[in-house]
PDB file of N, CA and C in Angstrom:
ATOM      1  N   MET A   1       0.794  -0.892  -0.019  1.00  0.00           N
ATOM      2  CA  MET A   1      -0.160   0.137   0.320  1.00  0.00           C
ATOM      3  C   MET A   1       0.638   1.297  -0.214  1.00  0.00           C
ATOM      4  N   ALA A   2       0.568   2.078  -0.882  1.00  0.00           N
ATOM      5  CA  ALA A   2       1.380   3.145  -0.680  1.00  0.00           C
ATOM      6  C   ALA A   2       1.174   4.057   0.222  1.00  0.00           C
ATOM      7  N   ALA A   3       2.004   4.763   0.734  1.00  0.00           N
ATOM      8  CA  ALA A   3       2.451   5.497   2.218  1.00  0.00           C
ATOM      9  C   ALA A   3       1.805   6.968   1.922  1.00  0.00           C
ATOM     10  N   TYR A   4       1.026   7.588   2.886  1.00  0.00           N
ATOM     11  CA  TYR A   4      -0.182   8.435   2.860  1.00  0.00           C
ATOM     12  C   TYR A   4       0.722   9.632   3.218  1.00  0.00           C
ATOM     13  N   SER A   5       0.068  10.591   2.310  1.00  0.00           N
ATOM     14  CA  SER A   5       1.405  12.159   3.225  1.00  0.00           C
ATOM     15  C   SER A   5      -0.021  12.500   4.039  1.00  0.00           C
ATOM     16  N   ALA A   6       0.321  13.902   4.741  1.00  0.00           N
ATOM     17  CA  ALA A   6      -0.755  14.056   5.866  1.00  0.00           C
ATOM     18  C   ALA A   6      -1.676  14.818   4.376  1.00  0.00           C
ATOM     19  N   LEU A   7      -1.525  15.164   3.814  1.00  0.00           N
ATOM     20  CA  LEU A   7      -2.162  16.021   3.386  1.00  0.00           C
ATOM     21  C   LEU A   7      -3.121  15.139   2.007  1.00  0.00           C
ATOM     22  N   VAL A   8      -4.342  14.777   2.293  1.00  0.00           N
ATOM     23  CA  VAL A   8      -4.677  13.358   0.688  1.00  0.00           C
ATOM     24  C   VAL A   8      -5.684  14.728   0.076  1.00  0.00           C
ATOM     25  N   LEU A   9      -5.085  14.261  -1.398  1.00  0.00           N
ATOM     26  CA  LEU A   9      -5.759  15.239  -2.545  1.00  0.00           C
ATOM     27  C   LEU A   9      -7.058  14.721  -2.843  1.00  0.00           C
ATOM     28  N   PHE A  10      -7.898  15.784  -2.542  1.00  0.00           N
ATOM     29  CA  PHE A  10      -9.337  15.552  -3.166  1.00  0.00           C
ATOM     30  C   PHE A  10      -9.752  16.819  -3.393  1.00  0.00           C
ATOM     31  N   SER A  11     -11.367  16.835  -4.664  1.00  0.00           N
ATOM     32  CA  SER A  11     -11.149  17.782  -4.702  1.00  0.00           C
ATOM     33  C   SER A  11     -12.892  18.284  -4.348  1.00  0.00           C
ATOM     34  N   LEU A  12     -12.886  19.237  -3.919  1.00  0.00           N
ATOM     35  CA  LEU A  12     -14.375  19.716  -3.494  1.00  0.00           C
ATOM     36  C   LEU A  12     -15.295  20.924  -4.743  1.00  0.00           C
ATOM     37  N   SER A  13     -16.359  20.817  -4.862  1.00  0.00           N
ATOM     38  CA  SER A  13     -17.059  21.726  -5.754  1.00  0.00           C
ATOM     39  C   SER A  13     -18.195  22.271  -4.711  1.00  0.00           C
ATOM     40  N   LEU A  14     -18.283  23.320  -4.880  1.00  0.00           N
ATOM     41  CA  LEU A  14     -19.268  23.734  -4.231  1.00  0.00           C
ATOM     42  C   LEU A  14     -20.687  24.572  -5.456  1.00  0.00           C
ATOM     43  N   LEU A  15     -21.343  23.844  -5.879  1.00  0.00           N
ATOM     44  CA  LEU A  15     -22.334  24.739  -6.905  1.00  0.00           C
ATOM     45  C   LEU A  15     -23.712  25.102  -6.000  1.00  0.00           C
ATOM     46  N   GLN A  16     -24.004  26.476  -6.774  1.00  0.00           N
ATOM     47  CA  GLN A  16     -25.172  26.892  -6.186  1.00  0.00           C
ATOM     48  C   GLN A  16     -26.239  26.382  -7.559  1.00  0.00           C
ATOM     49  N   SER A  17     -27.349  26.201  -7.412  1.00  0.00           N
ATOM     50  CA  SER A  17     -28.731  26.132  -7.883  1.00  0.00           C
ATOM     51  C   SER A  17     -30.027  26.392  -7.539  1.00  0.00           C
ATOM     52  N   PHE A  18     -30.645  27.319  -8.465  1.00  0.00           N
ATOM     53  CA  PHE A  18     -31.756  28.108  -7.619  1.00  0.00           C
ATOM     54  C   PHE A  18     -33.397  26.744  -7.567  1.00  0.00           C
ATOM     55  N   PHE A  19     -33.439  27.139  -6.490  1.00  0.00           N
ATOM     56  CA  PHE A  19     -34.446  25.965  -6.407  1.00  0.00           C
ATOM     57  C   PHE A  19     -35.776  26.538  -5.515  1.00  0.00           C
ATOM     58  N   LEU A  20     -37.130  26.345  -5.789  1.00  0.00           N
ATOM     59  CA  LEU A  20     -38.380  27.050  -5.325  1.00  0.00           C
ATOM     60  C   LEU A  20     -38.011  28.340  -4.428  1.00  0.00           C
ATOM     61  N   GLY A  21     -37.294  29.417  -5.073  1.00  0.00           N
ATOM     62  CA  GLY A  21     -37.393  30.812  -4.555  1.00  0.00           C
ATOM     63  C   GLY A  21     -35.673  30.813  -3.912  1.00  0.00           C
ATOM     64  N   THR A  22     -35.700  29.846  -2.868  1.00  0.00           N
ATOM     65  CA  THR A  22     -34.355  29.881  -2.672  1.00  0.00           C
ATOM     66  C   THR A  22     -32.754  29.158  -3.241  1.00  0.00           C
ATOM     67  N   TYR A  23     -32.318  29.925  -3.073  1.00  0.00           N
ATOM     68  CA  TYR A  23     -30.874  29.088  -3.331  1.00  0.00           C
ATOM     69  C   TYR A  23     -30.483  27.893  -2.192  1.00  0.00           C
ATOM     70  N   ALA A  24     -30.700  26.735  -3.298  1.00  0.00           N
ATOM     71  CA  ALA A  24     -30.210  25.437  -2.336  1.00  0.00           C
ATOM     72  C   ALA A  24     -28.555  25.241  -2.874  1.00  0.00           C
ATOM     73  N   THR A  25     -27.701  24.391  -2.081  1.00  0.00           N
ATOM     74  CA  THR A  25     -26.468  24.039  -2.394  1.00  0.00           C
ATOM     75  C   THR A  25     -25.737  22.695  -2.622  1.00  0.00           C
ATOM     76  N   THR A  26     -25.409  22.623  -3.051  1.00  0.00           N
ATOM     77  CA  THR A  26     -24.555  21.188  -2.963  1.00  0.00           C
ATOM     78  C   THR A  26     -23.020  20.621  -2.787  1.00  0.00           C
ATOM     79  N   LEU A  27     -23.054  20.313  -2.471  1.00  0.00           N
ATOM     80  CA  LEU A  27     -21.113  19.910  -2.074  1.00  0.00           C
ATOM     81  C   LEU A  27     -20.800  18.753  -2.927  1.00  0.00           C
ATOM     82  N   THR A  28     -19.860  18.544  -3.736  1.00  0.00           N
ATOM     83  CA  THR A  28     -19.473  17.600  -4.058  1.00  0.00           C
ATOM     84  C   THR A  28     -18.491  16.879  -3.671  1.00  0.00           C
ATOM     85  N   ILE A  29     -17.764  15.937  -3.537  1.00  0.00           N
ATOM     86  CA  ILE A  29     -16.810  15.657  -3.562  1.00  0.00           C
ATOM     87  C   ILE A  29     -16.252  14.392  -3.977  1.00  0.00           C
ATOM     88  N   THR A  30     -15.171  14.633  -4.463  1.00  0.00           N
ATOM     89  CA  THR A  30     -14.381  13.835  -5.254  1.00  0.00           C
ATOM     90  C   THR A  30     -13.060  12.941  -5.220  1.00  0.00           C
ATOM     91  N   ASN A  31     -12.967  11.687  -4.848  1.00  0.00           N
ATOM     92  CA  ASN A  31     -11.819  11.228  -4.575  1.00  0.00           C
ATOM     93  C   ASN A  31     -10.610  10.613  -5.747  1.00  0.00           C
ATOM     94  N   ASN A  32      -9.554  11.859  -5.780  1.00  0.00           N
ATOM     95  CA  ASN A  32      -8.559  11.787  -6.946  1.00  0.00           C
ATOM     96  C   ASN A  32      -7.382  10.978  -6.438  1.00  0.00           C
ATOM     97  N   CYS A  33      -7.390  10.128  -5.319  1.00  0.00           N
ATOM     98  CA  CYS A  33      -6.788   9.278  -4.593  1.00  0.00           C
ATOM     99  C   CYS A  33      -6.154   8.007  -5.547  1.00  0.00           C
ATOM    100  N   ASN A  34      -5.398   7.503  -5.473  1.00  0.00           N
ATOM    101  CA  ASN A  34      -5.184   6.133  -6.137  1.00  0.00           C
ATOM    102  C   ASN A  34      -6.223   4.816  -5.135  1.00  0.00           C
ATOM    103  N   ASP A  35      -6.489   5.302  -3.770  1.00  0.00           N
ATOM    104  CA  ASP A  35      -7.152   4.751  -3.052  1.00  0.00           C
ATOM    105  C   ASP A  35      -8.801   5.019  -2.464  1.00  0.00           C
ATOM    106  N   ILE A  36      -9.516   4.105  -1.939  1.00  0.00           N
ATOM    107  CA  ILE A  36     -10.079   4.353  -1.166  1.00  0.00           C
ATOM    108  C   ILE A  36     -10.011   5.697  -0.153  1.00  0.00           C
ATOM    109  N   ILE A  37     -11.080   6.846   0.463  1.00  0.00           N
ATOM    110  CA  ILE A  37     -11.346   7.625   1.152  1.00  0.00           C
ATOM    111  C   ILE A  37     -12.570   7.398   1.916  1.00  0.00           C
ATOM    112  N   TRP A  38     -12.593   8.494   3.257  1.00  0.00           N
ATOM    113  CA  TRP A  38     -13.460   8.070   3.410  1.00  0.00           C
ATOM    114  C   TRP A  38     -13.908   9.229   3.665  1.00  0.00           C
ATOM    115  N   PRO A  39     -14.430  10.382   3.158  1.00  0.00           N
ATOM    116  CA  PRO A  39     -14.718  11.391   3.631  1.00  0.00           C
ATOM    117  C   PRO A  39     -15.919  12.028   4.993  1.00  0.00           C
ATOM    118  N   ALA A  40     -15.515  12.729   5.529  1.00  0.00           N
ATOM    119  CA  ALA A  40     -16.075  13.230   6.486  1.00  0.00           C
ATOM    120  C   ALA A  40     -16.685  14.325   6.267  1.00  0.00           C
ATOM    121  N   VAL A  41     -17.826  14.885   7.472  1.00  0.00           N
ATOM    122  CA  VAL A  41     -18.317  16.543   7.424  1.00  0.00           C
ATOM    123  C   VAL A  41     -18.269  16.574   8.597  1.00  0.00           C
ATOM    124  N   LEU A  42     -18.714  18.136   9.356  1.00  0.00           N
ATOM    125  CA  LEU A  42     -18.565  18.729  10.342  1.00  0.00           C
ATOM    126  C   LEU A  42     -19.358  19.839   9.951  1.00  0.00           C
ATOM    127  N   PRO A  43     -20.197  20.295  10.376  1.00  0.00           N
ATOM    128  CA  PRO A  43     -20.899  21.808  10.242  1.00  0.00           C
ATOM    129  C   PRO A  43     -20.142  22.809  11.135  1.00  0.00           C
ATOM    130  N   ASN A  44     -20.229  23.399  10.865  1.00  0.00           N
ATOM    131  CA  ASN A  44     -19.486  24.952  12.204  1.00  0.00           C
ATOM    132  C   ASN A  44     -20.727  25.009  12.550  1.00  0.00           C
ATOM    133  N   PRO A  45     -20.372  25.819  13.921  1.00  0.00           N
ATOM    134  CA  PRO A  45     -21.906  26.349  15.184  1.00  0.00           C
ATOM    135  C   PRO A  45     -22.872  26.899  14.219  1.00  0.00           C
ATOM    136  N   GLY A  46     -23.726  26.563  14.613  1.00  0.00           N
ATOM    137  CA  GLY A  46     -24.785  27.326  13.720  1.00  0.00           C
ATOM    138  C   GLY A  46     -25.362  26.651  12.666  1.00  0.00           C
ATOM    139  N   SER A  47     -24.611  25.454  11.732  1.00  0.00           N
ATOM    140  CA  SER A  47     -24.777  24.968  10.714  1.00  0.00           C
ATOM    141  C   SER A  47     -25.501  23.500  10.828  1.00  0.00           C
ATOM    142  N   PRO A  48     -26.520  23.228  10.419  1.00  0.00           N
ATOM    143  CA  PRO A  48     -26.935  22.109  10.983  1.00  0.00           C
ATOM    144  C   PRO A  48     -26.247  20.658  10.221  1.00  0.00           C
ATOM    145  N   LEU A  49     -26.045  19.376  10.849  1.00  0.00           N
ATOM    146  CA  LEU A  49     -25.485  18.353  10.523  1.00  0.00           C
ATOM    147  C   LEU A  49     -25.907  17.956   9.459  1.00  0.00           C
ATOM    148  N   ILE A  50     -25.365  17.659   8.427  1.00  0.00           N
ATOM    149  CA  ILE A  50     -26.191  17.315   7.435  1.00  0.00           C
ATOM    150  C   ILE A  50     -25.654  15.312   7.156  1.00  0.00           C
ATOM    151  N   SER A  51     -26.572  14.760   6.480  1.00  0.00           N
ATOM    152  CA  SER A  51     -26.328  13.172   6.052  1.00  0.00           C
ATOM    153  C   SER A  51     -26.033  13.000   4.863  1.00  0.00           C
ATOM    154  N   PRO A  52     -25.215  12.100   4.709  1.00  0.00           N
ATOM    155  CA  PRO A  52     -23.968  11.174   5.657  1.00  0.00           C
ATOM    156  C   PRO A  52     -23.901  12.109   6.114  1.00  0.00           C
ATOM    157  N   SER A  53     -22.849  12.104   7.134  1.00  0.00           N
ATOM    158  CA  SER A  53     -21.874  12.932   7.870  1.00  0.00           C
ATOM    159  C   SER A  53     -20.142  12.295   7.877  1.00  0.00           C
ATOM    160  N   GLY A  54     -20.606  10.630   6.991  1.00  0.00           N
ATOM    161  CA  GLY A  54     -19.296   9.841   6.783  1.00  0.00           C
ATOM    162  C   GLY A  54     -19.301   9.163   6.241  1.00  0.00           C
ATOM    163  N   PHE A  55     -18.415   8.680   4.817  1.00  0.00           N
ATOM    164  CA  PHE A  55     -19.185   7.739   3.935  1.00  0.00           C
ATOM    165  C   PHE A  55     -17.573   7.178   3.514  1.00  0.00           C
ATOM    166  N   SER A  56     -17.587   6.071   2.864  1.00  0.00           N
ATOM    167  CA  SER A  56     -16.730   5.373   1.829  1.00  0.00           C
ATOM    168  C   SER A  56     -16.530   6.089   0.299  1.00  0.00           C
ATOM    169  N   LEU A  57     -16.072   6.423  -0.144  1.00  0.00           N
ATOM    170  CA  LEU A  57     -15.428   6.378  -1.522  1.00  0.00           C
ATOM    171  C   LEU A  57     -14.528   6.136  -2.463  1.00  0.00           C
ATOM    172  N   ASN A  58     -14.840   5.185  -3.338  1.00  0.00           N
ATOM    173  CA  ASN A  58     -13.592   4.879  -4.095  1.00  0.00           C
ATOM    174  C   ASN A  58     -12.685   5.574  -4.738  1.00  0.00           C
ATOM    175  N   ALA A  59     -11.385   4.872  -5.333  1.00  0.00           N
ATOM    176  CA  ALA A  59     -11.000   5.857  -6.326  1.00  0.00           C
ATOM    177  C   ALA A  59     -11.419   6.652  -7.532  1.00  0.00           C
ATOM    178  N   GLY A  60     -11.604   7.806  -7.682  1.00  0.00           N
ATOM    179  CA  GLY A  60     -12.410   7.928  -8.881  1.00  0.00           C
ATOM    180  C   GLY A  60     -13.567   8.559  -8.525  1.00  0.00           C
ATOM    181  N   ASP A  61     -14.172   8.088  -7.877  1.00  0.00           N
ATOM    182  CA  ASP A  61     -15.837   8.584  -7.281  1.00  0.00           C
ATOM    183  C   ASP A  61     -15.998   9.594  -7.304  1.00  0.00           C
ATOM    184  N   SER A  62     -16.981   9.787  -7.128  1.00  0.00           N
ATOM    185  CA  SER A  62     -17.544  11.395  -7.021  1.00  0.00           C
ATOM    186  C   SER A  62     -19.086  11.184  -5.755  1.00  0.00           C
ATOM    187  N   GLU A  63     -19.524  11.745  -4.784  1.00  0.00           N
ATOM    188  CA  GLU A  63     -20.400  12.077  -4.149  1.00  0.00           C
ATOM    189  C   GLU A  63     -20.930  13.325  -3.991  1.00  0.00           C
ATOM    190  N   THR A  64     -22.231  13.537  -4.673  1.00  0.00           N
ATOM    191  CA  THR A  64     -22.915  14.858  -4.008  1.00  0.00           C
ATOM    192  C   THR A  64     -23.848  14.911  -3.165  1.00  0.00           C
ATOM    193  N   LEU A  65     -23.952  15.663  -1.418  1.00  0.00           N
ATOM    194  CA  LEU A  65     -24.512  15.765  -0.729  1.00  0.00           C
ATOM    195  C   LEU A  65     -24.988  17.314  -1.289  1.00  0.00           C
ATOM    196  N   PRO A  66     -26.657  17.311  -0.310  1.00  0.00           N
ATOM    197  CA  PRO A  66     -27.134  18.705  -0.714  1.00  0.00           C
ATOM    198  C   PRO A  66     -27.231  19.196   0.459  1.00  0.00           C
ATOM    199  N   VAL A  67     -26.786  20.658   0.939  1.00  0.00           N
ATOM    200  CA  VAL A  67     -26.643  21.413   1.528  1.00  0.00           C
ATOM    201  C   VAL A  67     -27.563  22.482   1.876  1.00  0.00           C
ATOM    202  N   PRO A  68     -28.039  22.827   2.916  1.00  0.00           N
ATOM    203  CA  PRO A  68     -29.156  24.167   3.044  1.00  0.00           C
ATOM    204  C   PRO A  68     -28.383  25.212   2.561  1.00  0.00           C
ATOM    205  N   SER A  69     -28.744  26.182   1.978  1.00  0.00           N
ATOM    206  CA  SER A  69     -28.166  27.482   1.711  1.00  0.00           C
ATOM    207  C   SER A  69     -28.293  28.158   3.178  1.00  0.00           C
ATOM    208  N   GLY A  70     -26.755  28.858   3.117  1.00  0.00           N
ATOM    209  CA  GLY A  70     -25.973  29.214   3.776  1.00  0.00           C
ATOM    210  C   GLY A  70     -24.806  28.017   4.702  1.00  0.00           C
ATOM    211  N   TRP A  71     -25.244  27.172   4.612  1.00  0.00           N
ATOM    212  CA  TRP A  71     -24.656  26.300   5.610  1.00  0.00           C
ATOM    213  C   TRP A  71     -22.980  26.480   5.428  1.00  0.00           C
ATOM    214  N   SER A  72     -22.466  26.007   5.927  1.00  0.00           N
ATOM    215  CA  SER A  72     -20.659  26.480   6.373  1.00  0.00           C
ATOM    216  C   SER A  72     -20.141  25.050   7.706  1.00  0.00           C
ATOM    217  N   GLY A  73     -19.086  24.903   6.808  1.00  0.00           N
ATOM    218  CA  GLY A  73     -18.212  23.555   7.635  1.00  0.00           C
ATOM    219  C   GLY A  73     -17.336  23.270   6.943  1.00  0.00           C
ATOM    220  N   ARG A  74     -16.775  22.027   7.377  1.00  0.00           N
ATOM    221  CA  ARG A  74     -15.586  21.314   6.975  1.00  0.00           C
ATOM    222  C   ARG A  74     -15.787  20.168   6.377  1.00  0.00           C
ATOM    223  N   VAL A  75     -14.807  20.148   5.142  1.00  0.00           N
ATOM    224  CA  VAL A  75     -14.935  18.454   5.045  1.00  0.00           C
ATOM    225  C   VAL A  75     -13.364  17.723   4.894  1.00  0.00           C
ATOM    226  N   TRP A  76     -12.763  16.868   4.962  1.00  0.00           N
ATOM    227  CA  TRP A  76     -11.917  16.014   4.808  1.00  0.00           C
ATOM    228  C   TRP A  76     -11.758  14.674   4.750  1.00  0.00           C
ATOM    229  N   ALA A  77     -10.791  14.126   4.637  1.00  0.00           N
ATOM    230  CA  ALA A  77     -10.546  12.498   3.794  1.00  0.00           C
ATOM    231  C   ALA A  77     -10.044  11.662   4.854  1.00  0.00           C
ATOM    232  N   ARG A  78     -10.552  11.047   5.450  1.00  0.00           N
ATOM    233  CA  ARG A  78     -10.222   9.924   6.620  1.00  0.00           C
ATOM    234  C   ARG A  78      -9.474   8.601   5.379  1.00  0.00           C
ATOM    235  N   THR A  79      -8.454   8.283   5.993  1.00  0.00           N
ATOM    236  CA  THR A  79      -7.416   7.053   5.640  1.00  0.00           C
ATOM    237  C   THR A  79      -7.277   6.055   5.697  1.00  0.00           C
ATOM    238  N   ARG A  80      -7.065   4.756   5.368  1.00  0.00           N
ATOM    239  CA  ARG A  80      -6.745   3.689   6.368  1.00  0.00           C
ATOM    240  C   ARG A  80      -7.438   3.175   7.218  1.00  0.00           C
ATOM    241  N   CYS A  81      -9.041   3.016   6.668  1.00  0.00           N
ATOM    242  CA  CYS A  81     -10.095   2.795   7.876  1.00  0.00           C
ATOM    243  C   CYS A  81     -10.389   1.290   7.708  1.00  0.00           C
ATOM    244  N   ALA A  82     -10.902   0.815   9.187  1.00  0.00           N
ATOM    245  CA  ALA A  82     -11.490  -0.363   8.828  1.00  0.00           C
ATOM    246  C   ALA A  82     -12.157  -0.539  10.202  1.00  0.00           C
ATOM    247  N   THR A  83     -12.923  -2.024  10.071  1.00  0.00           N
ATOM    248  CA  THR A  83     -14.072  -1.865  11.158  1.00  0.00           C
ATOM    249  C   THR A  83     -13.425  -3.376  12.171  1.00  0.00           C
ATOM    250  N   THR A  84     -13.663  -3.361  12.915  1.00  0.00           N
ATOM    251  CA  THR A  84     -12.553  -4.386  14.155  1.00  0.00           C
ATOM    252  C   THR A  84     -13.738  -5.818  14.337  1.00  0.00           C
ATOM    253  N   SER A  85     -13.352  -6.458  14.503  1.00  0.00           N
ATOM    254  CA  SER A  85     -14.285  -7.742  14.374  1.00  0.00           C
ATOM    255  C   SER A  85     -15.529  -7.265  15.634  1.00  0.00           C
ATOM    256  N   VAL A  86     -15.329  -6.419  16.323  1.00  0.00           N
ATOM    257  CA  VAL A  86     -16.086  -6.148  17.402  1.00  0.00           C
ATOM    258  C   VAL A  86     -17.304  -5.213  16.760  1.00  0.00           C
ATOM    259  N   GLY A  87     -16.931  -4.700  15.911  1.00  0.00           N
ATOM    260  CA  GLY A  87     -17.872  -3.732  14.944  1.00  0.00           C
ATOM    261  C   GLY A  87     -17.166  -2.433  15.173  1.00  0.00           C
ATOM    262  N   LYS A  88     -16.244  -1.685  15.696  1.00  0.00           N
ATOM    263  CA  LYS A  88     -15.729  -0.444  15.844  1.00  0.00           C
ATOM    264  C   LYS A  88     -14.998   0.180  15.191  1.00  0.00           C
ATOM    265  N   PHE A  89     -15.534   1.049  14.024  1.00  0.00           N
ATOM    266  CA  PHE A  89     -14.639   1.603  12.883  1.00  0.00           C
ATOM    267  C   PHE A  89     -13.764   2.839  13.632  1.00  0.00           C
ATOM    268  N   SER A  90     -12.662   2.466  12.550  1.00  0.00           N
ATOM    269  CA  SER A  90     -11.624   3.653  12.853  1.00  0.00           C
ATOM    270  C   SER A  90     -11.031   4.085  11.570  1.00  0.00           C
ATOM    271  N   CYS A  91      -9.984   5.206  11.620  1.00  0.00           N
ATOM    272  CA  CYS A  91      -9.101   5.536  10.757  1.00  0.00           C
ATOM    273  C   CYS A  91      -7.888   5.740  11.298  1.00  0.00           C
ATOM    274  N   ALA A  92      -6.600   5.314  10.237  1.00  0.00           N
ATOM    275  CA  ALA A  92      -5.240   6.319  10.657  1.00  0.00           C
ATOM    276  C   ALA A  92      -5.206   7.552  10.588  1.00  0.00           C
ATOM    277  N   THR A  93      -5.754   7.431   9.898  1.00  0.00           N
ATOM    278  CA  THR A  93      -5.676   9.709   9.513  1.00  0.00           C
ATOM    279  C   THR A  93      -7.262  10.023   9.639  1.00  0.00           C
ATOM    280  N   GLY A  94      -7.171  11.166  10.390  1.00  0.00           N
ATOM    281  CA  GLY A  94      -8.382  11.802  10.607  1.00  0.00           C
ATOM    282  C   GLY A  94      -9.802  11.335  10.549  1.00  0.00           C
ATOM    283  N   ASP A  95      -9.234  10.445  12.065  1.00  0.00           N
ATOM    284  CA  ASP A  95     -10.935   9.653  12.676  1.00  0.00           C
ATOM    285  C   ASP A  95     -11.238  10.508  12.591  1.00  0.00           C
ATOM    286  N   CYS A  96     -12.660  10.627  13.627  1.00  0.00           N
ATOM    287  CA  CYS A  96     -13.656  11.399  14.146  1.00  0.00           C
ATOM    288  C   CYS A  96     -13.992  11.121  15.557  1.00  0.00           C
ATOM    289  N   GLY A  97     -13.840   9.761  15.414  1.00  0.00           N
ATOM    290  CA  GLY A  97     -14.120   9.219  16.903  1.00  0.00           C
ATOM    291  C   GLY A  97     -15.085   8.547  17.105  1.00  0.00           C
ATOM    292  N   SER A  98     -15.952   8.408  16.589  1.00  0.00           N
ATOM    293  CA  SER A  98     -17.579   8.068  16.375  1.00  0.00           C
ATOM    294  C   SER A  98     -17.840   6.646  16.837  1.00  0.00           C
ATOM    295  N   SER A  99     -16.585   5.781  16.269  1.00  0.00           N
ATOM    296  CA  SER A  99     -16.625   4.744  15.968  1.00  0.00           C
ATOM    297  C   SER A  99     -17.930   3.747  14.601  1.00  0.00           C
ATOM    298  N   ALA A 100     -17.849   4.866  13.999  1.00  0.00           N
ATOM    299  CA  ALA A 100     -19.035   4.322  13.155  1.00  0.00           C
ATOM    300  C   ALA A 100     -18.352   5.011  12.112  1.00  0.00           C
ATOM    301  N   VAL A 101     -19.008   4.496  10.662  1.00  0.00           N
ATOM    302  CA  VAL A 101     -18.465   5.857   9.553  1.00  0.00           C
ATOM    303  C   VAL A 101     -19.309   6.582   9.693  1.00  0.00           C
ATOM    304  N   ASP A 102     -20.343   7.066   9.950  1.00  0.00           N
ATOM    305  CA  ASP A 102     -20.663   8.087  10.214  1.00  0.00           C
ATOM    306  C   ASP A 102     -20.295   9.316  11.012  1.00  0.00           C
ATOM    307  N   CYS A 103     -19.577  10.375  10.785  1.00  0.00           N
ATOM    308  CA  CYS A 103     -19.225  10.995  11.992  1.00  0.00           C
ATOM    309  C   CYS A 103     -19.856  11.513  13.429  1.00  0.00           C
ATOM    310  N   GLY A 104     -21.423  11.826  13.009  1.00  0.00           N
ATOM    311  CA  GLY A 104     -22.600  11.940  13.915  1.00  0.00           C
ATOM    312  C   GLY A 104     -22.276  13.243  14.421  1.00  0.00           C
ATOM    313  N   GLY A 105     -21.129  14.211  13.830  1.00  0.00           N
ATOM    314  CA  GLY A 105     -20.618  15.579  14.727  1.00  0.00           C
ATOM    315  C   GLY A 105     -19.661  15.639  15.374  1.00  0.00           C
ATOM    316  N   GLY A 106     -18.661  14.360  14.737  1.00  0.00           N
ATOM    317  CA  GLY A 106     -17.242  14.477  15.598  1.00  0.00           C
ATOM    318  C   GLY A 106     -16.353  15.227  14.571  1.00  0.00           C
ATOM    319  N   GLY A 107     -15.561  15.755  15.260  1.00  0.00           N
ATOM    320  CA  GLY A 107     -14.488  16.144  14.463  1.00  0.00           C
ATOM    321  C   GLY A 107     -13.069  15.454  14.185  1.00  0.00           C
ATOM    322  N   GLY A 108     -12.050  15.616  13.366  1.00  0.00           N
ATOM    323  CA  GLY A 108     -11.026  15.098  12.762  1.00  0.00           C
ATOM    324  C   GLY A 108      -9.927  15.497  14.290  1.00  0.00           C
ATOM    325  N   GLU A 109      -9.459  13.651  13.850  1.00  0.00           N
ATOM    326  CA  GLU A 109      -8.453  13.787  15.192  1.00  0.00           C
ATOM    327  C   GLU A 109      -6.678  14.030  13.994  1.00  0.00           C
ATOM    328  N   ILE A 110      -6.153  14.739  14.731  1.00  0.00           N
ATOM    329  CA  ILE A 110      -4.833  14.998  14.008  1.00  0.00           C
ATOM    330  C   ILE A 110      -4.265  13.800  13.880  1.00  0.00           C
ATOM    331  N   SER A 111      -3.550  13.875  13.097  1.00  0.00           N
ATOM    332  CA  SER A 111      -2.422  12.036  13.096  1.00  0.00           C
ATOM    333  C   SER A 111      -0.987  12.276  13.272  1.00  0.00           C
ATOM    334  N   SER A 112      -0.673  11.675  13.451  1.00  0.00           N
ATOM    335  CA  SER A 112       0.769  11.711  14.297  1.00  0.00           C
ATOM    336  C   SER A 112       2.033  10.832  13.672  1.00  0.00           C
ATOM    337  N   THR A 113       1.593  10.460  12.418  1.00  0.00           N
ATOM    338  CA  THR A 113       2.321   9.695  11.316  1.00  0.00           C
ATOM    339  C   THR A 113       3.501  10.715  10.814  1.00  0.00           C
ATOM    340  N   SER A 114       4.484  10.522  10.341  1.00  0.00           N
ATOM    341  CA  SER A 114       5.430  10.606  10.057  1.00  0.00           C
ATOM    342  C   SER A 114       5.650  11.185   8.649  1.00  0.00           C
TER     343      SER A 114
END
């Protein structure tokens, strides 16, 4: 498996569209890495949690999430994730500490990889 750097490359696109008289926003996450990543989404205070807030994304795939107009938050890629024999999900980088694929409002942990 190729070594991962602290920075995982993936692209984000924010698209605006007009819907029922208000602006609806979509967040498109594209995995430009060679391996699977598990994007995580965390709203800023005052913005609602969107669902899913964590999912897997194969190399070259994209996922589009609808977000409310005015939503703000952050998105990051978790890497080298797995589920243990007792069902606990965790990642080597960017883990959100929820023990599940969906972060449910948990923030990313800083990796201590060298």
